[in-house]
Amino acid sequence: MKKRIVMAVLAAALGTALLAGCGGGQKAESTGETLTVFNYGEYMDPEMIQQFEDETGIEVKYEEAVTPEEMYSKYSSGVIDYDLLCTSDYMLKKLIDEGSVQPVDFDSFEYGGNIGDDYWNFAKSFDEENQYVLPYFWGTIGILYDTTKVNETPDSWDVLFNGEYAGQFIMQDSMRDSFMITLKSLGYSLNTDNEQEIRQAQQRMLKQKPDVQAYLVDEARDEVVAGNATMAVVYSGEAYLGHEYNPDVEYVVPKEGTNIWMDGWVITKECQNTEAAQKFLDFLCREDVAEANFEYIYYSTPNQAVIDNMDEDMKNNEAILPDISKLKNSEVCTQSDPAITELYNELWKEIKAE
């Protein structure tokens, strides 16, 4: 969904240490089982996929997508029978509402207790009984900006619409994120089902479009870090890495509020080997595995065991662990009404076609 900088030396060293500590590097015999896993691009340490295969003897066929919409389109086409999907809050709700996923027996998990209670409660906004979704990563959406190029902290979404930085900012090439920003800038809920409000947001985006340097997903952060853009809409984990690579780069969540997002894993209704699928999900909950994925991605983890082992600087970094109490105007995206989704799709196509 978003590009990550792979910290190669750390990942290699960590992967080696983990393999050495789990079975002495011995591989389990093949079980003949296969799991087809669908995730966002660069959203899991590849070493962990290999480690799961080595420990269990279960083969993983791993595919990637860029956006929730792309993932849903490929899944719903039925061309490939995916066993496990990792996608975003509103898309998770859509899949649940459509009956496209199976309940997960979380009580049987050996490591499920590592997921903090706050994050199970968070997931209830789209999985009311915590029956289907394993929380994976979460965070906020805000503005990454170069402090040497702005007059003041861009703490309002209006900075992307008032022309002050025309040609100098990057929007996310994401229908939901772009509408979220614009709706919040107008004082509306990102979950509105009011067609007039949604169309008003589209008109604002059409007016904004000539001022947008680019619509990007993977490269948005990198363009600010490299000095090619003054600011960009990014996910909070991207902001942490952006600052690590360029200390002049900072991150802010605008005062109008934002989307507090969560990505999670589900087992599809097509999955024939739920036991293997649940082994994979339980594996992701294990502290060493969750820590490796966190170190690879640097998004906010719901794994309390990993959080407890963070140093204080990282615990206090709001790009890594946002303080939800400070996000009073923010919301979780739960809008999955098919008619509203179709309206968004139609209006977004018009924006991109202009």
Protein backbone atom coordinates (compact mmCIF):
# COMPACT_ATOMS: atom_id res chain seq x y z
CA MET A 1 0.00 0.00 0.00
CA LYS A 2 2.89 2.29 0.77
CA LYS A 3 6.57 2.09 -0.03
CA ARG A 4 8.98 1.13 2.73
CA ILE A 5 12.73 1.56 2.88
CA VAL A 6 14.22 -1.84 3.64
CA MET A 7 16.94 -1.57 6.23
CA ALA A 8 18.94 -4.34 4.59
CA VAL A 9 21.74 -4.84 7.07
CA LEU A 10 19.40 -4.85 10.06
CA ALA A 11 16.90 -7.13 8.36
CA ALA A 12 19.58 -9.60 7.33
CA ALA A 13 21.13 -9.68 10.78
CA LEU A 14 17.77 -9.98 12.47
CA GLY A 15 16.61 -12.70 10.10
CA THR A 16 19.79 -14.70 10.71
CA ALA A 17 19.42 -14.38 14.46
CA LEU A 18 15.79 -15.45 14.34
CA LEU A 19 16.49 -18.47 12.19
CA ALA A 20 19.31 -19.48 14.46
CA GLY A 21 16.99 -19.21 17.46
CA CYS A 22 14.14 -21.20 15.92
CA GLY A 23 15.03 -24.82 15.35
CA GLY A 24 18.72 -24.17 14.71
CA GLY A 25 18.04 -23.50 11.03
CA GLN A 26 16.55 -27.00 10.49
CA LYS A 27 13.70 -27.10 8.00
CA ALA A 28 10.47 -28.96 8.54
CA GLU A 29 9.57 -31.57 5.95
CA SER A 30 7.12 -30.39 3.33
CA THR A 31 3.52 -31.07 4.26
CA GLY A 32 2.35 -30.67 0.68
CA GLU A 33 0.12 -27.80 1.84
CA THR A 34 0.05 -24.41 0.15
CA LEU A 35 -1.29 -21.05 1.30
CA THR A 36 -1.96 -18.28 -1.21
CA VAL A 37 -1.40 -14.98 0.60
CA PHE A 38 -2.36 -11.53 -0.72
CA ASN A 39 -0.80 -8.47 0.93
CA TYR A 40 0.21 -4.91 0.15
CA GLY A 41 3.58 -4.37 -1.47
CA GLU A 42 6.62 -4.47 0.84
CA TYR A 43 4.35 -4.99 3.84
CA MET A 44 6.07 -8.02 5.36
CA ASP A 45 9.68 -8.97 5.90
CA PRO A 46 10.38 -11.64 3.23
CA GLU A 47 12.58 -13.44 5.75
CA MET A 48 9.47 -14.13 7.82
CA ILE A 49 7.71 -15.83 4.91
CA GLN A 50 10.72 -18.06 4.43
CA GLN A 51 10.88 -18.71 8.16
CA PHE A 52 7.23 -19.79 8.26
CA GLU A 53 7.85 -22.22 5.41
CA ASP A 54 10.97 -23.59 7.10
CA GLU A 55 9.25 -24.06 10.46
CA THR A 56 5.98 -25.56 9.23
CA GLY A 57 6.68 -27.18 5.87
CA ILE A 58 3.76 -25.19 4.43
CA GLU A 59 4.49 -23.45 1.12
CA VAL A 60 3.43 -19.80 0.79
CA LYS A 61 2.48 -18.33 -2.57
CA TYR A 62 2.75 -14.61 -1.94
CA GLU A 63 1.19 -11.86 -4.05
CA GLU A 64 1.11 -8.09 -3.64
CA ALA A 65 -1.23 -5.21 -4.48
CA VAL A 66 -0.92 -1.43 -4.23
CA THR A 67 -4.40 -0.33 -3.11
CA PRO A 68 -7.40 -1.89 -1.35
CA GLU A 69 -9.45 -1.42 -4.50
CA GLU A 70 -6.91 -3.31 -6.62
CA MET A 71 -6.81 -6.09 -4.05
CA TYR A 72 -10.59 -6.36 -3.91
CA SER A 73 -10.88 -6.40 -7.69
CA LYS A 74 -8.37 -9.23 -8.04
CA TYR A 75 -9.87 -11.21 -5.19
CA SER A 76 -13.48 -10.83 -6.34
CA SER A 77 -12.60 -11.78 -9.92
CA GLY A 78 -12.18 -15.35 -8.68
CA VAL A 79 -9.23 -16.00 -10.99
CA ILE A 80 -7.08 -16.96 -8.00
CA ASP A 81 -8.42 -18.55 -4.83
CA TYR A 82 -6.64 -16.53 -2.16
CA ASP A 83 -6.52 -18.04 1.33
CA LEU A 84 -5.44 -14.98 3.31
CA LEU A 85 -5.84 -11.26 2.64
CA CYS A 86 -4.34 -8.27 4.39
CA THR A 87 -6.30 -5.12 3.63
CA SER A 88 -7.61 -1.91 5.16
CA ASP A 89 -10.37 -1.16 7.66
CA TYR A 90 -13.17 -0.12 5.31
CA MET A 91 -12.37 -2.93 2.88
CA LEU A 92 -12.30 -5.41 5.74
CA LYS A 93 -15.79 -4.27 6.69
CA LYS A 94 -16.93 -4.66 3.10
CA LEU A 95 -15.57 -8.22 2.95
CA ILE A 96 -17.25 -9.08 6.26
CA ASP A 97 -20.57 -7.56 5.17
CA GLU A 98 -20.45 -9.53 1.91
CA GLY A 99 -19.77 -12.81 3.70
CA SER A 100 -16.43 -13.19 1.94
CA VAL A 101 -14.42 -14.20 5.01
CA GLN A 102 -14.44 -16.98 7.60
CA PRO A 103 -14.45 -16.65 11.40
CA VAL A 104 -11.05 -17.19 13.00
CA ASP A 105 -10.60 -19.30 16.14
CA PHE A 106 -8.42 -16.77 17.95
CA ASP A 107 -8.84 -18.68 21.23
CA SER A 108 -6.71 -21.46 19.77
CA PHE A 109 -3.78 -19.12 19.05
CA GLU A 110 -0.64 -19.64 21.09
CA TYR A 111 0.51 -16.05 20.56
CA GLY A 112 -2.76 -14.15 20.08
CA GLY A 113 -2.44 -12.68 23.58
CA ASN A 114 0.41 -10.51 22.30
CA ILE A 115 -2.12 -8.30 20.51
CA GLY A 116 -3.03 -5.52 22.94
CA ASP A 117 -6.62 -5.12 24.14
CA ASP A 118 -6.74 -1.54 22.84
CA TYR A 119 -6.15 -2.82 19.31
CA TRP A 120 -8.78 -5.55 19.51
CA ASN A 121 -11.18 -2.81 20.64
CA PHE A 122 -10.02 -0.61 17.76
CA ALA A 123 -10.79 -3.44 15.32
CA LYS A 124 -14.37 -3.60 16.62
CA SER A 125 -15.11 -0.48 14.57
CA PHE A 126 -15.23 -2.75 11.51
CA ASP A 127 -15.33 -6.25 13.07
CA GLU A 128 -17.84 -5.84 15.88
CA GLU A 129 -17.30 -9.17 17.64
CA ASN A 130 -13.60 -9.63 16.80
CA GLN A 131 -14.54 -12.75 14.86
CA TYR A 132 -12.73 -12.22 11.57
CA VAL A 133 -9.83 -9.76 11.62
CA LEU A 134 -6.33 -10.08 13.06
CA PRO A 135 -4.93 -6.54 13.60
CA TYR A 136 -1.63 -6.11 11.73
CA PHE A 137 -0.53 -2.45 11.61
CA TRP A 138 -2.25 0.88 12.24
CA GLY A 139 -1.55 4.60 12.20
CA THR A 140 -2.60 7.98 10.89
CA ILE A 141 -2.47 9.96 7.66
CA GLY A 142 -0.93 13.41 7.70
CA ILE A 143 1.42 15.82 6.00
CA LEU A 144 5.15 15.18 5.65
CA TYR A 145 6.90 18.49 5.05
CA ASP A 146 10.34 20.01 4.59
CA THR A 147 10.84 22.48 7.43
CA THR A 148 13.30 24.49 5.34
CA LYS A 149 10.68 25.22 2.68
CA VAL A 150 7.55 26.16 4.63
CA ASN A 151 6.65 29.42 6.34
CA GLU A 152 4.96 27.66 9.27
CA THR A 153 3.84 24.21 10.33
CA PRO A 154 1.16 23.06 7.83
CA ASP A 155 -1.29 21.98 10.53
CA SER A 156 -4.42 22.37 8.40
CA TRP A 157 -5.54 20.45 5.33
CA ASP A 158 -6.33 23.85 3.80
CA VAL A 159 -2.65 24.22 2.94
CA LEU A 160 -3.29 21.72 0.15
CA PHE A 161 -6.14 23.76 -1.28
CA ASN A 162 -5.31 27.46 -0.84
CA GLY A 163 -2.68 27.73 -3.59
CA GLU A 164 0.17 28.74 -1.28
CA TYR A 165 2.26 25.73 -2.29
CA ALA A 166 0.92 25.20 -5.80
CA GLY A 167 3.04 22.70 -7.69
CA GLN A 168 5.01 21.80 -4.57
CA PHE A 169 2.90 19.11 -2.90
CA ILE A 170 1.99 15.49 -3.53
CA MET A 171 -1.39 13.87 -2.92
CA GLN A 172 -1.90 10.17 -2.29
CA ASP A 173 -3.03 8.34 -5.41
CA SER A 174 -5.82 6.82 -3.35
CA MET A 175 -9.50 7.46 -3.79
CA ARG A 176 -10.40 7.02 -0.12
CA ASP A 177 -7.47 8.99 1.25
CA SER A 178 -7.96 11.89 -1.14
CA PHE A 179 -11.67 12.14 -0.38
CA MET A 180 -10.95 11.80 3.35
CA ILE A 181 -8.58 14.78 3.29
CA THR A 182 -11.01 16.92 1.33
CA LEU A 183 -14.06 16.00 3.39
CA LYS A 184 -12.19 16.76 6.62
CA SER A 185 -11.01 20.08 5.18
CA LEU A 186 -14.66 20.98 4.61
CA GLY A 187 -15.63 19.98 8.14
CA TYR A 188 -17.43 16.78 7.10
CA SER A 189 -17.10 13.22 8.34
CA LEU A 190 -14.95 10.92 6.24
CA ASN A 191 -17.80 8.39 6.63
CA THR A 192 -20.47 10.70 5.26
CA ASP A 193 -23.21 9.19 3.13
CA ASN A 194 -24.44 12.63 2.06
CA GLU A 195 -24.12 12.79 -1.71
CA GLN A 196 -24.04 16.59 -1.74
CA GLU A 197 -21.08 16.65 0.66
CA ILE A 198 -19.21 14.06 -1.39
CA ARG A 199 -19.81 15.95 -4.63
CA GLN A 200 -18.70 19.18 -2.96
CA ALA A 201 -15.47 17.43 -2.01
CA GLN A 202 -14.99 16.32 -5.61
CA GLN A 203 -15.41 19.88 -6.85
CA ARG A 204 -12.75 21.02 -4.41
CA MET A 205 -10.38 18.32 -5.65
CA LEU A 206 -11.01 19.26 -9.28
CA LYS A 207 -10.13 22.86 -8.45
CA GLN A 208 -7.06 21.65 -6.56
CA LYS A 209 -5.76 19.36 -9.30
CA PRO A 210 -3.71 21.94 -11.28
CA ASP A 211 -1.77 22.70 -8.08
CA VAL A 212 -0.90 19.06 -7.37
CA GLN A 213 2.68 18.16 -8.29
CA ALA A 214 1.79 14.48 -8.53
CA TYR A 215 -0.53 11.76 -7.26
CA LEU A 216 1.73 9.07 -5.85
CA VAL A 217 1.64 6.14 -3.45
CA ASP A 218 5.05 4.56 -3.07
CA GLU A 219 7.18 7.57 -3.94
CA ALA A 220 5.40 10.35 -2.01
CA ARG A 221 7.68 10.26 1.02
CA ASP A 222 10.83 9.84 -1.05
CA GLU A 223 10.11 12.98 -3.07
CA VAL A 224 10.00 15.11 0.09
CA VAL A 225 13.08 13.43 1.55
CA ALA A 226 14.99 14.09 -1.67
CA GLY A 227 13.94 17.75 -1.74
CA ASN A 228 11.83 17.39 -4.88
CA ALA A 229 8.59 18.36 -3.11
CA THR A 230 7.81 20.65 -0.19
CA MET A 231 5.16 18.40 1.31
CA ALA A 232 3.24 15.20 0.71
CA VAL A 233 0.32 13.29 2.16
CA VAL A 234 1.76 10.15 3.76
CA TYR A 235 1.07 7.44 6.31
CA SER A 236 2.57 7.89 9.76
CA GLY A 237 5.11 5.09 9.42
CA GLU A 238 6.47 6.70 6.28
CA ALA A 239 6.99 9.87 8.28
CA TYR A 240 9.21 8.12 10.80
CA LEU A 241 11.51 6.79 8.08
CA GLY A 242 11.40 10.11 6.24
CA HIS A 243 12.75 11.92 9.29
CA GLU A 244 15.40 9.24 9.80
CA TYR A 245 16.72 9.86 6.30
CA ASN A 246 16.34 13.65 6.34
CA PRO A 247 16.18 15.42 9.75
CA ASP A 248 14.66 18.51 8.09
CA VAL A 249 11.53 16.50 7.34
CA GLU A 250 8.70 16.51 9.92
CA TYR A 251 5.16 15.13 10.15
CA VAL A 252 1.92 16.70 11.33
CA VAL A 253 -1.67 15.52 11.63
CA PRO A 254 -3.85 18.50 10.64
CA LYS A 255 -6.16 19.97 13.26
CA GLU A 256 -9.31 19.09 11.32
CA GLY A 257 -8.56 15.44 12.03
CA THR A 258 -7.63 12.47 9.90
CA ASN A 259 -8.25 8.82 9.25
CA ILE A 260 -7.01 6.55 12.02
CA TRP A 261 -6.46 3.47 9.91
CA MET A 262 -5.88 -0.18 10.66
CA ASP A 263 -4.86 -2.98 8.34
CA GLY A 264 -5.69 -6.54 9.25
CA TRP A 265 -5.68 -10.14 8.09
CA VAL A 266 -8.69 -12.28 7.19
CA ILE A 267 -9.20 -15.85 6.01
CA THR A 268 -11.30 -15.96 2.84
CA LYS A 269 -14.40 -18.07 2.42
CA GLU A 270 -12.57 -19.91 -0.38
CA CYS A 271 -9.80 -21.12 1.94
CA GLN A 272 -9.92 -24.93 2.20
CA ASN A 273 -7.13 -25.27 4.75
CA THR A 274 -8.14 -23.07 7.64
CA GLU A 275 -5.79 -24.87 10.01
CA ALA A 276 -2.77 -23.82 7.95
CA ALA A 277 -4.19 -20.31 7.53
CA GLN A 278 -4.60 -19.96 11.29
CA LYS A 279 -1.05 -21.21 11.82
CA PHE A 280 0.13 -18.37 9.59
CA LEU A 281 -1.87 -15.78 11.52
CA ASP A 282 -0.68 -17.12 14.87
CA PHE A 283 2.89 -17.02 13.55
CA LEU A 284 2.45 -13.30 12.77
CA CYS A 285 1.46 -12.72 16.41
CA ARG A 286 4.67 -14.22 17.76
CA GLU A 287 6.89 -11.57 19.30
CA ASP A 288 10.04 -12.24 17.27
CA VAL A 289 8.08 -12.32 14.01
CA ALA A 290 6.06 -9.20 14.84
CA GLU A 291 9.26 -7.39 15.81
CA ALA A 292 10.94 -8.36 12.54
CA ASN A 293 7.96 -7.06 10.55
CA PHE A 294 7.90 -3.87 12.63
CA GLU A 295 11.62 -3.29 12.01
CA TYR A 296 11.03 -3.86 8.29
CA ILE A 297 8.07 -1.50 7.97
CA TYR A 298 8.15 0.92 10.95
CA TYR A 299 4.39 1.27 11.13
CA SER A 300 2.54 1.24 14.44
CA THR A 301 2.29 -2.33 15.70
CA PRO A 302 -0.62 -3.67 17.77
CA ASN A 303 1.72 -6.28 19.28
CA GLN A 304 2.02 -5.25 22.92
CA ALA A 305 5.03 -7.51 23.48
CA VAL A 306 6.93 -5.59 20.80
CA ILE A 307 5.76 -2.23 22.16
CA ASP A 308 6.90 -3.13 25.67
CA ASN A 309 10.43 -3.76 24.38
CA MET A 310 10.73 -0.44 22.51
CA ASP A 311 13.06 2.20 23.88
CA GLU A 312 11.43 5.30 25.35
CA ASP A 313 12.28 7.54 22.39
CA MET A 314 10.44 5.22 20.03
CA LYS A 315 7.48 4.81 22.39
CA ASN A 316 7.15 8.60 22.52
CA ASN A 317 7.43 9.07 18.75
CA GLU A 318 3.91 9.79 17.47
CA ALA A 319 4.76 8.59 13.99
CA ILE A 320 5.42 5.18 15.55
CA LEU A 321 2.82 5.22 18.34
CA PRO A 322 0.24 7.96 17.75
CA ASP A 323 -1.48 9.26 20.87
CA ILE A 324 -5.13 8.57 20.08
CA SER A 325 -6.21 10.96 22.86
CA LYS A 326 -4.81 13.83 20.75
CA LEU A 327 -6.78 12.82 17.67
CA LYS A 328 -10.18 14.05 18.85
CA ASN A 329 -11.39 15.06 15.38
CA SER A 330 -10.17 11.87 13.73
CA GLU A 331 -12.17 8.83 12.63
CA VAL A 332 -11.84 5.24 11.52
CA CYS A 333 -13.07 4.68 7.96
CA THR A 334 -16.05 2.32 8.07
CA GLN A 335 -18.09 3.45 5.07
CA SER A 336 -18.87 0.40 2.94
CA ASP A 337 -22.30 1.18 1.48
CA PRO A 338 -22.14 -0.15 -2.12
CA ALA A 339 -23.99 2.85 -3.55
CA ILE A 340 -21.64 5.31 -1.84
CA THR A 341 -18.61 3.30 -2.93
CA GLU A 342 -19.85 3.39 -6.51
CA LEU A 343 -20.32 7.16 -6.25
CA TYR A 344 -16.76 7.55 -4.97
CA ASN A 345 -15.45 5.40 -7.83
CA GLU A 346 -17.32 7.45 -10.41
CA LEU A 347 -16.19 10.81 -9.02
CA TRP A 348 -12.59 9.66 -8.58
CA LYS A 349 -12.42 8.50 -12.21
CA GLU A 350 -13.61 11.95 -13.27
CA ILE A 351 -10.87 13.59 -11.20
CA LYS A 352 -8.13 11.39 -12.64
CA ALA A 353 -9.46 11.82 -16.19
CA GLU A 354 -9.39 15.63 -16.11
